[in-house]
Protein backbone atom coordinates (compact mmCIF):
# COMPACT_ATOMS: atom_id res chain seq x y z
CA MET A 1 21.06 69.00 22.85
CA PRO A 2 22.39 70.89 25.92
CA THR A 3 23.33 68.87 28.99
CA PRO A 4 20.88 69.48 31.89
CA GLU A 5 22.32 71.41 34.78
CA ILE A 6 22.87 69.65 38.09
CA VAL A 7 20.07 70.21 40.59
CA GLN A 8 20.95 70.46 44.29
CA GLN A 9 18.42 69.38 46.92
CA GLY A 10 19.93 69.84 50.37
CA GLU A 11 23.23 68.04 50.04
CA THR A 12 22.06 65.79 47.17
CA LEU A 13 23.20 66.49 43.60
CA ILE A 14 21.02 65.18 40.74
CA LEU A 15 21.41 65.18 36.97
CA PRO A 16 17.79 65.38 35.72
CA CYS A 17 16.80 62.89 33.03
CA ASN A 18 13.37 62.01 31.62
CA ASP A 19 14.50 58.72 30.09
CA PRO A 20 13.09 55.90 32.28
CA ALA A 21 15.85 53.59 31.05
CA VAL A 22 18.51 55.75 32.69
CA THR A 23 19.32 55.19 36.35
CA ILE A 24 19.68 58.51 38.16
CA VAL A 25 22.91 58.55 40.14
CA GLN A 26 22.80 60.83 43.15
CA GLY A 27 25.89 62.72 44.16
CA TYR A 28 26.38 65.04 47.11
CA LYS A 29 27.93 68.32 48.16
CA ARG A 30 28.37 69.11 51.84
CA PHE A 31 30.48 71.24 54.11
CA ILE A 32 32.17 69.77 57.19
CA VAL A 33 33.03 72.31 59.90
CA GLY A 34 35.57 71.62 62.64
CA LEU A 35 35.56 73.95 65.66
CA ASP A 36 38.56 73.81 68.00
CA ILE A 37 37.80 75.39 71.39
CA ALA A 38 40.50 77.39 73.16
CA GLN A 39 42.33 75.42 75.86
CA SER A 40 44.93 77.29 77.93
CA VAL A 41 47.29 79.02 75.44
CA ASP A 42 45.32 77.86 72.41
CA GLN A 43 43.03 80.02 70.32
CA ASN A 44 39.56 79.27 69.07
CA ALA A 45 39.62 78.26 65.42
CA PHE A 46 37.48 76.65 62.76
CA ALA A 47 38.08 75.00 59.41
CA ILE A 48 35.61 74.10 56.68
CA ILE A 49 36.07 71.19 54.28
CA LEU A 50 34.07 70.92 51.07
CA ASP A 51 33.24 67.24 50.53
CA GLU A 52 31.58 66.34 47.23
CA ARG A 53 30.99 63.74 44.53
CA VAL A 54 29.40 65.15 41.42
CA PRO A 55 27.28 63.01 39.05
CA ARG A 56 28.22 63.12 35.38
CA TRP A 57 27.23 61.59 32.06
CA THR A 58 29.11 58.84 30.30
CA GLN A 59 28.10 58.08 26.71
CA TYR A 60 24.85 56.37 27.67
CA ALA A 61 24.56 56.49 31.45
CA GLN A 62 25.32 58.42 34.62
CA GLU A 63 28.17 57.85 37.02
CA LEU A 64 29.64 59.51 40.09
CA GLY A 65 32.80 61.50 39.65
CA PRO A 66 35.71 61.04 42.08
CA ARG A 67 35.32 62.17 45.66
CA ARG A 68 36.79 65.61 46.31
CA ARG A 69 37.65 67.01 49.73
CA VAL A 70 39.15 70.48 49.99
CA VAL A 71 39.80 72.81 52.92
CA VAL A 72 38.01 75.92 51.64
CA ARG A 73 38.19 78.14 54.71
CA ALA A 74 40.03 78.32 58.03
CA GLU A 75 40.15 81.11 60.59
CA ARG A 76 41.18 81.86 64.14
CA ILE A 77 38.51 83.42 66.32
CA PRO A 78 39.44 86.20 68.79
CA GLN A 79 39.18 85.44 72.50
CA MET A 80 35.63 85.98 73.74
CA SER A 81 33.18 84.58 76.27
CA TYR A 82 31.77 81.13 75.59
CA PRO A 83 28.21 82.47 75.14
CA GLU A 84 29.57 84.89 72.52
CA LEU A 85 31.51 82.08 70.85
CA ALA A 86 28.39 79.92 70.77
CA GLN A 87 26.59 82.72 68.94
CA VAL A 88 29.48 82.96 66.45
CA ALA A 89 29.20 79.21 65.85
CA ARG A 90 25.45 79.49 65.36
CA ASN A 91 25.88 82.33 62.87
CA LEU A 92 28.52 80.35 61.00
CA MET A 93 26.30 77.29 60.66
CA ARG A 94 23.35 79.47 59.56
CA ASP A 95 25.37 81.16 56.82
CA GLU A 96 23.26 80.76 53.68
CA SER A 97 26.22 79.39 51.70
CA ILE A 98 26.43 76.24 53.88
CA ALA A 99 23.32 76.13 56.10
CA LYS A 100 21.38 73.49 54.15
CA ASN A 101 24.21 70.99 53.74
CA SER A 102 26.65 71.39 56.62
CA TYR A 103 27.84 69.32 59.57
CA LEU A 104 29.66 70.54 62.68
CA VAL A 105 32.11 68.75 64.97
CA VAL A 106 33.19 70.51 68.17
CA ASP A 107 36.07 69.94 70.56
CA ALA A 108 34.22 68.86 73.70
CA SER A 109 37.37 68.32 75.76
CA GLY A 110 37.55 70.12 79.11
CA VAL A 111 35.63 73.40 78.91
CA GLY A 112 34.28 72.24 75.57
CA ARG A 113 31.64 70.21 77.41
CA ALA A 114 30.01 73.31 78.84
CA PHE A 115 30.40 75.06 75.50
CA CYS A 116 28.54 72.25 73.71
CA ASP A 117 25.70 72.65 76.21
CA LEU A 118 25.52 76.30 75.16
CA LEU A 119 25.25 75.18 71.53
CA ASN A 120 22.31 72.99 72.52
CA THR A 121 20.46 75.96 74.02
CA ARG A 122 20.99 77.76 70.70
CA ASN A 123 19.73 74.76 68.75
CA VAL A 124 23.03 74.19 66.93
CA ARG A 125 23.31 70.51 66.02
CA HIS A 126 26.82 69.13 66.32
CA THR A 127 29.00 66.09 66.95
CA ARG A 128 30.96 66.15 70.20
CA MET A 129 34.59 65.07 70.04
CA GLN A 130 36.89 64.64 73.02
CA ILE A 131 40.55 64.65 71.97
CA VAL A 132 42.37 62.04 74.04
CA GLY A 133 45.75 60.32 74.29
CA GLY A 134 46.68 56.97 72.82
CA GLU A 135 46.11 55.81 69.27
CA ASN A 136 42.43 54.83 69.09
CA GLU A 137 38.88 56.13 69.11
CA SER A 138 35.76 55.11 70.98
CA GLU A 139 32.20 56.23 71.54
CA VAL A 140 30.61 56.77 74.96
CA LYS A 141 27.26 58.11 76.14
CA GLU A 142 26.69 60.42 79.10
CA ARG A 143 23.24 61.78 79.99
CA GLY A 144 22.07 60.32 76.70
CA ILE A 145 24.63 62.41 74.78
CA THR A 146 27.19 60.75 72.51
CA PHE A 147 30.86 61.68 72.92
CA ASN A 148 33.44 60.53 70.39
CA ASN A 149 36.82 60.02 72.08
CA VAL A 150 39.44 60.34 69.36
CA SER A 151 43.19 60.37 69.90
CA LYS A 152 45.18 63.36 68.73
CA ASN A 153 47.65 61.03 67.03
CA LEU A 154 44.88 59.37 65.05
CA LEU A 155 43.49 62.73 63.95
CA LEU A 156 46.83 64.11 62.81
CA ASN A 157 48.02 60.89 61.18
CA ALA A 158 44.79 60.71 59.18
CA LEU A 159 45.16 64.36 58.15
CA ASN A 160 48.78 63.78 57.12
CA SER A 161 47.81 60.70 55.12
CA GLY A 162 44.98 62.56 53.39
CA MET A 163 47.33 65.35 52.36
CA HIS A 164 49.96 62.97 50.99
CA THR A 165 47.53 60.76 49.06
CA GLY A 166 45.59 63.68 47.63
CA ASP A 167 42.37 62.68 49.40
CA LEU A 168 42.44 66.11 51.05
CA GLN A 169 43.63 69.31 49.42
CA ILE A 170 44.11 72.88 50.61
CA GLY A 171 42.13 75.43 48.66
CA ASP A 172 42.84 79.10 48.08
CA PHE A 173 41.70 81.24 51.04
CA PRO A 174 43.28 84.04 53.12
CA MET A 175 44.77 81.80 55.85
CA ARG A 176 46.02 79.11 53.49
CA ASP A 177 49.67 79.82 54.27
CA ASP A 178 48.99 79.85 58.03
CA LEU A 179 47.44 76.38 57.79
CA ALA A 180 50.37 75.14 55.71
CA LEU A 181 52.84 76.45 58.30
CA GLU A 182 50.97 74.73 61.11
CA LEU A 183 50.94 71.45 59.22
CA GLU A 184 54.68 71.71 58.61
CA SER A 185 55.32 72.43 62.30
CA PHE A 186 54.20 69.02 63.58
CA GLU A 187 56.90 66.74 64.94
CA ALA A 188 56.58 63.26 66.41
CA SER A 189 58.57 62.07 69.43
CA ILE A 190 58.60 58.84 71.45
CA GLY A 191 58.42 59.12 75.24
CA THR A 192 59.91 56.91 77.92
CA THR A 193 56.76 54.77 77.94
CA GLY A 194 57.12 54.10 74.23
CA ARG A 195 54.13 56.21 73.27
CA THR A 196 54.29 58.53 70.28
CA SER A 197 53.50 62.21 70.84
CA ILE A 198 52.80 64.68 68.04
CA GLN A 199 53.22 68.37 68.81
CA GLY A 200 53.23 71.47 66.66
CA GLY A 201 52.48 75.14 66.47
CA THR A 202 53.69 78.49 65.19
CA LYS A 203 54.14 81.93 66.71
CA ALA A 204 50.69 82.84 65.47
CA GLY A 205 48.89 79.91 67.05
CA HIS A 206 49.14 76.53 68.75
CA ALA A 207 48.22 74.56 65.59
CA ASP A 208 44.61 75.55 66.18
CA ILE A 209 43.41 75.70 62.59
CA ALA A 210 45.26 72.47 61.73
CA MET A 211 43.46 70.71 64.59
CA ALA A 212 40.13 72.12 63.39
CA ALA A 213 40.89 70.80 59.90
CA ALA A 214 41.81 67.38 61.33
CA MET A 215 38.51 67.24 63.22
CA ALA A 216 36.54 68.14 60.10
CA TYR A 217 38.43 65.54 58.05
CA TRP A 218 37.58 62.90 60.66
CA LEU A 219 33.89 63.81 60.57
CA SER A 220 33.85 63.62 56.76
CA ASP A 221 34.23 59.84 57.18
CA HIS A 222 32.03 59.58 60.30
CA ARG A 223 28.90 61.48 59.26
CA THR A 224 26.49 59.08 60.93
CA VAL A 225 27.97 59.64 64.39
CA GLY A 226 25.67 62.29 65.85
CA ALA A 227 25.88 64.48 62.77
CA HIS A 228 22.93 66.42 61.42
CA VAL A 229 22.40 68.24 58.17
CA GLY A 230 20.77 71.66 58.04
CA GLU A 231 18.87 73.39 60.81
CA THR A 232 16.10 72.36 63.16
CA GLN A 233 13.13 74.53 64.01
CA LEU A 234 14.04 77.23 66.49
CA ARG A 235 12.67 76.82 69.96
CA GLY A 236 11.75 80.39 70.80
CA TYR A 237 15.14 81.75 71.80
CA TRP A 238 15.40 84.24 68.94
């Protein structure tokens, strides 16, 4: 008897079974998008992580396979106005390959605050992250909007750990080597105050796609913090 194919409903993966004695185990498949906004000499960049756990059959029951997180795409975005960049972000999140099961985290540091407001006017749901100093993370609200303050060190250390433990892998895509070079460029130093600083970058970019990947990796473990799956009804702008 052939094994039923997995059915996807939004981000949920289901192995159909008509036997009432079998407990249906729900898996998931989602895409986590990190968008790093240009600051000074930086470039705009985004990275997409596929995050999934696929249900499978054992001899008599269903179980979830191991969690799999893979960077499947990363790109730098040419310099453009923030309204234009907001439209690019909207188009990216509406891409039919990810639109029904995707989450977006945006760098809301500095000019990123105004940029996130532009995303709101375009009805693009997202999590706002402010990249800060130190070693910790916190959550604050302003005007009823949640901001996640996350230290750069925490982001990069988590990314480094994920790479070394195999929790995060780099897939095969055009800018794979660029991302690898950025990851290899990071160096840690200790300042006069005793604080650790991590800096990196290549001639092609100021570690922009690596930072976007780090943001996406963070959100993959913080989905409930302001994240939203899919699209909301448009409000008459288009």
